[in-house]
Amino acid sequence: MNHEDNAEIFGSAADVAFPSPRWRRSHPAYSTIVSSPASDILSRIDRRRFLLAATGVVASGLAADGVIVEPLLTLRETRYRLAPQGWPAGLKLSLAVIADLHACNPWLTVAHIEEIVNATNALHADAILLLGDYVAGHRKVTAFVPDSDWAHALGALRAPLGVYAVLGNHDWWADNRAQLLGRGPIGARIALERAGVPVLENDALKLSKEDEEFWIAGLGDQEAFMGAGSRRLGGKVGVDDLEATLEKITGEAPVVLLAHEPDIFPRVPLRIGLTLAGHTHGGQVRFFGQHLFEPSPLSRVYNYGHFCENGRHLIVSGGLGCSIWPIRLGAPPEVLHVTLEA
């Protein structure tokens, strides 16, 4: 069950649209979708033909929206304000969150990623968190973006308390060597670290703001291996180790956990103030509140938005890119802006 009402959400449907950058207005696809010539159609065709034409226009409009408008020309800021149980009274923390870039041409190009980086920096968050799946999740592309290129673009992210990342399943699946050997490090991790972005893989880091301490913890991917890689590990598909991650957390300072897939949430203890996840793309295609994209067992349950269960909080980002097919419909790309306070 989605519990978005438990969060204070700013704007309509939790959205605040970013200003449309110049590159979108000049994109070759833009002029083909902003207008539809239908000025005197009624005077030239009969009712039946009009209905058929109208149906075609609607279908074409949906196709244009799903393939061009939302993936290429839309970016929204989604805000949440939460008060996790036991959160320190003196700690007001703002977090910007990016998930599921799936970098590729023509959908998530380097230029597009740079615009997302600029918009994210403009949020002036205390820390910026990256939730994995930086590489393309489908082959319907004109070109793949090399790891070094998308990582270099993300290296321009700036926040006072730093930028931190976890890895996603597609980052692992795209690394043939890791799949063959059943272990990393993978190319996406190497590229991020070379770009100056620390990757937390079953690890935790203590930070502080105005003398108030907190932890950022990162979980290894839960679906890292398939085929030979999983067989080499006796059928284990993930590199996640929640217990080992929690063992690195000491003291009473609050914890924010980063996990690519939301499936870990039922196992997360109350000690974790907030879990942030991506992976689902917000359903990627949504009609009348129903979603079509469920890439992991519990992504049907935790598909999008804010969930609160027994005092534990989860926010699942709709992410930015596409997987399997380059289409987003009813699930616009988004950057999260989360504020935590008592």
Protein backbone atom coordinates (compact mmCIF):
# COMPACT_ATOMS: atom_id res chain seq x y z
CA MET A 1 0.00 0.00 0.00
CA ASN A 2 1.30 3.43 -0.90
CA HIS A 3 1.33 5.81 2.05
CA GLU A 4 2.17 9.14 0.42
CA ASP A 5 -0.20 10.94 2.80
CA ASN A 6 2.31 10.34 5.61
CA ALA A 7 4.70 12.81 3.98
CA GLU A 8 4.34 16.53 3.60
CA ILE A 9 4.50 16.84 -0.16
CA PHE A 10 4.98 20.16 -1.92
CA GLY A 11 3.24 21.04 -5.17
CA SER A 12 0.61 19.23 -7.18
CA ALA A 13 1.02 15.45 -7.02
CA ALA A 14 4.36 15.98 -5.27
CA ASP A 15 5.76 17.71 -8.35
CA VAL A 16 7.47 20.99 -9.05
CA ALA A 17 8.46 21.28 -12.71
CA PHE A 18 12.01 22.35 -13.44
CA PRO A 19 12.34 25.22 -15.92
CA SER A 20 12.54 23.81 -19.44
CA PRO A 21 16.21 24.05 -20.49
CA ARG A 22 17.15 25.43 -23.86
CA TRP A 23 18.31 22.07 -25.25
CA ARG A 24 14.80 20.62 -24.90
CA ARG A 25 13.19 23.51 -26.76
CA SER A 26 15.70 23.09 -29.57
CA HIS A 27 15.45 19.30 -29.71
CA PRO A 28 14.46 18.08 -33.21
CA ALA A 29 11.50 16.19 -31.76
CA TYR A 30 10.08 19.22 -29.97
CA SER A 31 8.46 20.94 -32.94
CA THR A 32 6.69 17.71 -33.93
CA ILE A 33 4.85 17.33 -30.65
CA VAL A 34 3.87 20.83 -29.56
CA SER A 35 1.14 21.32 -32.16
CA SER A 36 -1.43 19.26 -34.02
CA PRO A 37 -3.01 20.68 -37.22
CA ALA A 38 -6.74 19.91 -37.06
CA SER A 39 -8.28 23.27 -37.96
CA ASP A 40 -10.99 22.35 -40.45
CA ILE A 41 -11.14 18.55 -40.29
CA LEU A 42 -14.89 18.50 -39.54
CA SER A 43 -15.70 20.31 -42.74
CA ARG A 44 -13.78 17.80 -44.89
CA ILE A 45 -14.64 14.33 -43.56
CA ASP A 46 -17.73 12.58 -42.30
CA ARG A 47 -18.40 11.64 -38.68
CA ARG A 48 -17.11 8.09 -38.95
CA ARG A 49 -13.87 9.14 -40.55
CA PHE A 50 -13.55 11.87 -37.95
CA LEU A 51 -13.86 9.36 -35.12
CA LEU A 52 -11.28 7.12 -36.74
CA ALA A 53 -8.98 10.07 -37.23
CA ALA A 54 -9.53 11.22 -33.65
CA THR A 55 -8.67 7.75 -32.37
CA GLY A 56 -5.48 7.85 -34.41
CA VAL A 57 -4.61 11.28 -33.07
CA VAL A 58 -5.10 10.10 -29.49
CA ALA A 59 -3.01 6.99 -30.10
CA SER A 60 -0.31 9.04 -31.81
CA GLY A 61 -0.40 11.56 -28.98
CA LEU A 62 0.05 8.84 -26.39
CA ALA A 63 2.88 7.33 -28.39
CA ALA A 64 4.57 10.72 -28.76
CA ASP A 65 4.13 11.42 -25.07
CA GLY A 66 5.50 8.04 -24.04
CA VAL A 67 8.42 7.89 -26.44
CA ILE A 68 9.35 11.59 -26.83
CA VAL A 69 7.74 13.97 -24.35
CA GLU A 70 8.25 12.21 -21.03
CA PRO A 71 11.62 10.54 -21.68
CA LEU A 72 13.21 13.49 -23.53
CA LEU A 73 11.48 16.73 -22.62
CA THR A 74 10.18 16.32 -19.07
CA LEU A 75 11.94 16.63 -15.72
CA ARG A 76 10.20 17.20 -12.42
CA GLU A 77 11.29 17.78 -8.85
CA THR A 78 9.38 15.69 -6.33
CA ARG A 79 9.57 16.84 -2.71
CA TYR A 80 9.00 14.97 0.53
CA ARG A 81 9.28 16.14 4.11
CA LEU A 82 9.53 13.37 6.72
CA ALA A 83 10.00 13.10 10.47
CA PRO A 84 11.40 9.59 11.06
CA GLN A 85 11.05 8.11 14.51
CA GLY A 86 13.87 9.23 16.80
CA TRP A 87 15.25 11.78 14.39
CA PRO A 88 17.38 14.37 16.29
CA ALA A 89 15.63 17.66 16.99
CA GLY A 90 18.65 19.67 15.90
CA LEU A 91 19.21 17.98 12.55
CA LYS A 92 17.40 19.27 9.47
CA LEU A 93 18.81 17.40 6.50
CA SER A 94 18.02 17.90 2.81
CA LEU A 95 18.85 15.19 0.28
CA ALA A 96 18.71 15.27 -3.51
CA VAL A 97 18.23 11.84 -5.07
CA ILE A 98 18.93 10.63 -8.63
CA ALA A 99 18.00 7.12 -9.77
CA ASP A 100 18.04 5.00 -12.94
CA LEU A 101 19.74 7.18 -15.52
CA HIS A 102 20.13 4.35 -18.06
CA ALA A 103 22.47 6.52 -20.13
CA CYS A 104 22.15 6.07 -23.91
CA ASN A 105 21.51 8.00 -27.10
CA PRO A 106 19.05 9.51 -27.94
CA TRP A 107 17.22 9.19 -24.60
CA LEU A 108 19.66 9.96 -21.76
CA THR A 109 22.56 11.58 -23.58
CA VAL A 110 25.52 13.20 -21.88
CA ALA A 111 23.98 16.61 -22.62
CA HIS A 112 20.74 15.51 -20.97
CA ILE A 113 22.62 14.17 -17.95
CA GLU A 114 24.46 17.48 -17.66
CA GLU A 115 21.11 19.30 -17.55
CA ILE A 116 19.93 16.93 -14.81
CA VAL A 117 23.16 17.58 -12.91
CA ASN A 118 22.66 21.35 -13.16
CA ALA A 119 19.03 21.09 -12.00
CA THR A 120 20.05 18.86 -9.10
CA ASN A 121 22.84 21.20 -8.01
CA ALA A 122 20.32 24.06 -8.08
CA LEU A 123 18.36 22.33 -5.29
CA HIS A 124 21.21 23.20 -2.89
CA ALA A 125 20.75 19.96 -0.94
CA ASP A 126 23.08 19.02 1.90
CA ALA A 127 23.99 15.75 0.15
CA ILE A 128 23.28 14.13 -3.22
CA LEU A 129 22.54 10.42 -3.42
CA LEU A 130 22.70 8.20 -6.52
CA LEU A 131 20.68 4.97 -6.53
CA GLY A 132 22.18 2.94 -9.38
CA ASP A 133 21.46 1.77 -12.93
CA TYR A 134 23.62 4.29 -14.74
CA VAL A 135 24.05 2.13 -17.88
CA ALA A 136 21.43 1.53 -20.56
CA GLY A 137 18.68 -0.95 -19.73
CA HIS A 138 17.65 -1.74 -23.31
CA ARG A 139 19.09 -1.96 -26.83
CA LYS A 140 16.65 0.40 -28.57
CA VAL A 141 19.40 3.03 -28.83
CA THR A 142 21.35 4.89 -31.47
CA ALA A 143 24.50 4.60 -29.33
CA PHE A 144 25.55 3.47 -25.87
CA VAL A 145 27.19 6.02 -23.57
CA PRO A 146 30.57 4.83 -22.25
CA ASP A 147 30.90 4.55 -18.46
CA SER A 148 33.59 7.22 -18.42
CA ASP A 149 31.28 9.74 -20.13
CA TRP A 150 28.19 9.46 -17.92
CA ALA A 151 30.38 9.23 -14.82
CA HIS A 152 32.28 12.36 -15.82
CA ALA A 153 28.96 14.20 -16.15
CA LEU A 154 27.85 13.00 -12.69
CA GLY A 155 31.22 14.10 -11.31
CA ALA A 156 30.00 17.69 -11.63
CA LEU A 157 27.40 17.14 -8.88
CA ARG A 158 28.15 19.31 -5.86
CA ALA A 159 26.79 19.29 -2.29
CA PRO A 160 28.28 20.50 1.02
CA LEU A 161 28.23 17.02 2.58
CA GLY A 162 29.16 15.17 -0.59
CA VAL A 163 27.80 12.88 -3.31
CA TYR A 164 27.40 9.14 -2.68
CA ALA A 165 26.32 6.24 -4.87
CA VAL A 166 25.19 2.63 -4.92
CA LEU A 167 25.12 0.33 -7.94
CA GLY A 168 22.17 -1.22 -9.77
CA ASN A 169 21.44 -4.54 -11.44
CA HIS A 170 22.01 -3.22 -14.98
CA ASP A 171 25.40 -1.87 -13.94
CA TRP A 172 26.32 -5.43 -12.98
CA TRP A 173 24.60 -7.15 -15.90
CA ALA A 174 26.45 -4.96 -18.41
CA ASP A 175 29.84 -6.11 -17.06
CA ASN A 176 30.57 -9.40 -18.79
CA ARG A 177 33.72 -10.02 -16.78
CA ALA A 178 31.88 -9.69 -13.47
CA GLN A 179 29.13 -11.99 -14.70
CA LEU A 180 31.66 -14.60 -15.73
CA LEU A 181 33.76 -14.45 -12.55
CA GLY A 182 30.89 -13.88 -10.11
CA ARG A 183 32.52 -10.81 -8.55
CA GLY A 184 33.42 -7.17 -9.09
CA PRO A 185 34.60 -4.50 -9.13
CA ILE A 186 32.50 -3.57 -12.14
CA GLY A 187 33.11 -0.89 -14.71
CA ALA A 188 30.40 1.42 -13.36
CA ARG A 189 32.00 1.49 -9.91
CA ILE A 190 35.44 2.16 -11.32
CA ALA A 191 34.09 5.00 -13.48
CA LEU A 192 32.21 6.64 -10.59
CA GLU A 193 35.20 6.49 -8.27
CA ARG A 194 37.49 7.93 -10.95
CA ALA A 195 34.97 10.78 -11.29
CA GLY A 196 35.23 11.43 -7.54
CA VAL A 197 31.94 9.80 -6.47
CA PRO A 198 32.32 7.31 -3.58
CA VAL A 199 30.42 4.03 -4.06
CA LEU A 200 28.97 2.46 -0.90
CA GLU A 201 28.62 -1.29 -1.34
CA ASN A 202 27.56 -2.93 1.95
CA ASP A 203 29.28 -0.01 3.61
CA ALA A 204 28.41 2.97 5.80
CA LEU A 205 29.85 6.44 6.27
CA LYS A 206 29.32 8.80 9.19
CA LEU A 207 28.70 12.45 8.32
CA SER A 208 27.80 15.51 10.36
CA LYS A 209 25.91 18.74 9.90
CA GLU A 210 26.19 21.52 12.48
CA ASP A 211 27.61 19.05 15.05
CA GLU A 212 24.76 16.58 14.53
CA GLU A 213 25.94 13.20 13.23
CA PHE A 214 24.16 10.81 10.88
CA TRP A 215 25.04 7.82 8.69
CA ILE A 216 24.71 7.20 4.96
CA ALA A 217 24.69 3.45 4.31
CA GLY A 218 24.76 1.75 0.92
CA LEU A 219 23.58 -1.78 0.14
CA GLY A 220 25.12 -3.98 -2.55
CA ASP A 221 22.81 -4.76 -5.44
CA GLN A 222 20.20 -7.46 -4.78
CA GLU A 223 20.05 -8.72 -8.40
CA ALA A 224 23.69 -8.42 -9.46
CA PHE A 225 24.11 -11.77 -11.18
CA MET A 226 22.38 -13.85 -13.77
CA GLY A 227 23.42 -16.95 -15.65
CA ALA A 228 27.05 -17.95 -15.12
CA GLY A 229 27.61 -15.40 -12.37
CA SER A 230 24.79 -16.70 -10.19
CA ARG A 231 25.74 -20.34 -10.83
CA ARG A 232 29.30 -19.57 -9.75
CA LEU A 233 27.87 -18.30 -6.46
CA GLY A 234 25.65 -21.33 -5.92
CA GLY A 235 22.50 -19.63 -7.19
CA LYS A 236 22.89 -16.39 -5.21
CA VAL A 237 21.88 -13.48 -7.40
CA GLY A 238 22.79 -10.50 -5.19
CA VAL A 239 25.87 -9.01 -3.61
CA ASP A 240 23.78 -7.40 -0.87
CA ASP A 241 24.68 -7.98 2.77
CA LEU A 242 22.39 -6.01 5.07
CA GLU A 243 23.83 -7.54 8.24
CA ALA A 244 27.40 -6.61 7.32
CA THR A 245 26.26 -3.10 6.43
CA LEU A 246 24.51 -2.63 9.78
CA GLU A 247 27.54 -3.92 11.68
CA LYS A 248 29.51 -0.93 10.43
CA ILE A 249 27.05 1.50 12.06
CA THR A 250 27.86 2.45 15.64
CA GLY A 251 26.31 4.77 18.20
CA GLU A 252 22.82 6.25 18.11
CA ALA A 253 23.06 8.63 15.15
CA PRO A 254 20.24 8.21 12.56
CA VAL A 255 20.77 6.27 9.35
CA VAL A 256 19.70 6.77 5.73
CA LEU A 257 20.00 3.55 3.71
CA LEU A 258 20.52 3.54 -0.07
CA ALA A 259 19.35 0.45 -1.95
CA HIS A 260 18.78 0.10 -5.67
CA GLU A 261 15.86 -2.33 -5.36
CA PRO A 262 13.12 -1.65 -2.77
CA ASP A 263 12.77 -5.41 -2.05
CA ILE A 264 15.04 -5.18 1.02
CA PHE A 265 12.57 -2.96 2.89
CA PRO A 266 10.70 -5.67 4.89
CA ARG A 267 14.06 -6.68 6.42
CA VAL A 268 15.18 -3.16 7.30
CA PRO A 269 15.16 -2.57 11.10
CA LEU A 270 13.62 0.44 12.82
CA ARG A 271 17.20 1.61 13.40
CA ILE A 272 17.14 2.88 9.79
CA GLY A 273 15.32 6.23 9.67
CA LEU A 274 14.76 6.17 5.91
CA THR A 275 15.39 3.76 3.04
CA LEU A 276 15.75 5.23 -0.45
CA ALA A 277 15.34 3.02 -3.52
CA GLY A 278 14.86 3.20 -7.28
CA HIS A 279 14.71 0.34 -9.82
CA THR A 280 10.96 0.49 -10.58
CA HIS A 281 10.90 3.66 -12.74
CA GLY A 282 7.62 4.46 -11.00
CA GLY A 283 6.02 1.69 -13.06
CA GLN A 284 7.39 3.34 -16.24
CA VAL A 285 3.92 3.13 -17.82
CA ARG A 286 0.97 4.04 -15.59
CA PHE A 287 -2.74 4.09 -16.49
CA PHE A 288 -5.41 5.09 -13.96
CA GLY A 289 -3.09 4.40 -11.05
CA GLN A 290 -2.01 0.99 -12.38
CA HIS A 291 1.63 0.33 -13.30
CA LEU A 292 2.98 -2.05 -15.93
CA PHE A 293 6.66 -2.29 -14.94
CA GLU A 294 7.51 -4.61 -12.02
CA PRO A 295 11.18 -5.56 -12.39
CA SER A 296 11.62 -7.37 -9.05
CA PRO A 297 9.39 -9.48 -6.78
CA LEU A 298 8.41 -6.71 -4.35
CA SER A 299 8.33 -3.88 -6.87
CA ARG A 300 4.63 -4.64 -7.28
CA VAL A 301 4.15 -3.70 -3.61
CA TYR A 302 6.75 -0.93 -3.38
CA ASN A 303 6.44 0.55 -6.84
CA TYR A 304 6.50 4.29 -6.33
CA GLY A 305 6.33 6.98 -3.67
CA HIS A 306 6.39 7.04 0.12
CA PHE A 307 5.64 3.99 2.27
CA CYS A 308 5.51 3.79 6.04
CA GLU A 309 5.30 0.42 7.80
CA ASN A 310 5.61 -0.02 11.56
CA GLY A 311 7.41 3.29 11.89
CA ARG A 312 9.87 2.53 9.06
CA HIS A 313 10.00 4.81 6.02
CA LEU A 314 10.71 3.99 2.37
CA ILE A 315 10.74 6.33 -0.62
CA VAL A 316 10.89 4.76 -4.09
CA SER A 317 12.01 7.16 -6.80
CA GLY A 318 10.45 7.12 -10.25
CA GLY A 319 13.94 7.63 -11.66
CA LEU A 320 14.93 9.17 -14.96
CA GLY A 321 15.51 6.61 -17.69
CA CYS A 322 13.89 3.57 -19.28
CA SER A 323 14.41 -0.17 -19.22
CA ILE A 324 13.38 -2.88 -21.71
CA TRP A 325 11.64 -0.31 -23.96
CA PRO A 326 12.39 3.43 -24.31
CA ILE A 327 8.98 4.57 -23.15
CA ARG A 328 7.65 6.41 -20.10
CA LEU A 329 3.96 7.23 -19.90
CA GLY A 330 2.26 8.63 -16.81
CA ALA A 331 5.56 8.33 -14.95
CA PRO A 332 7.59 11.47 -15.74
CA PRO A 333 11.33 11.45 -14.96
CA GLU A 334 12.07 12.99 -11.59
CA VAL A 335 14.72 14.12 -9.15
CA LEU A 336 13.77 13.74 -5.49
CA HIS A 337 14.28 16.44 -2.87
CA VAL A 338 13.81 14.93 0.58
CA THR A 339 13.88 16.91 3.83
CA LEU A 340 14.32 15.07 7.12
CA GLU A 341 13.65 16.75 10.46
CA ALA A 342 12.14 16.05 13.85
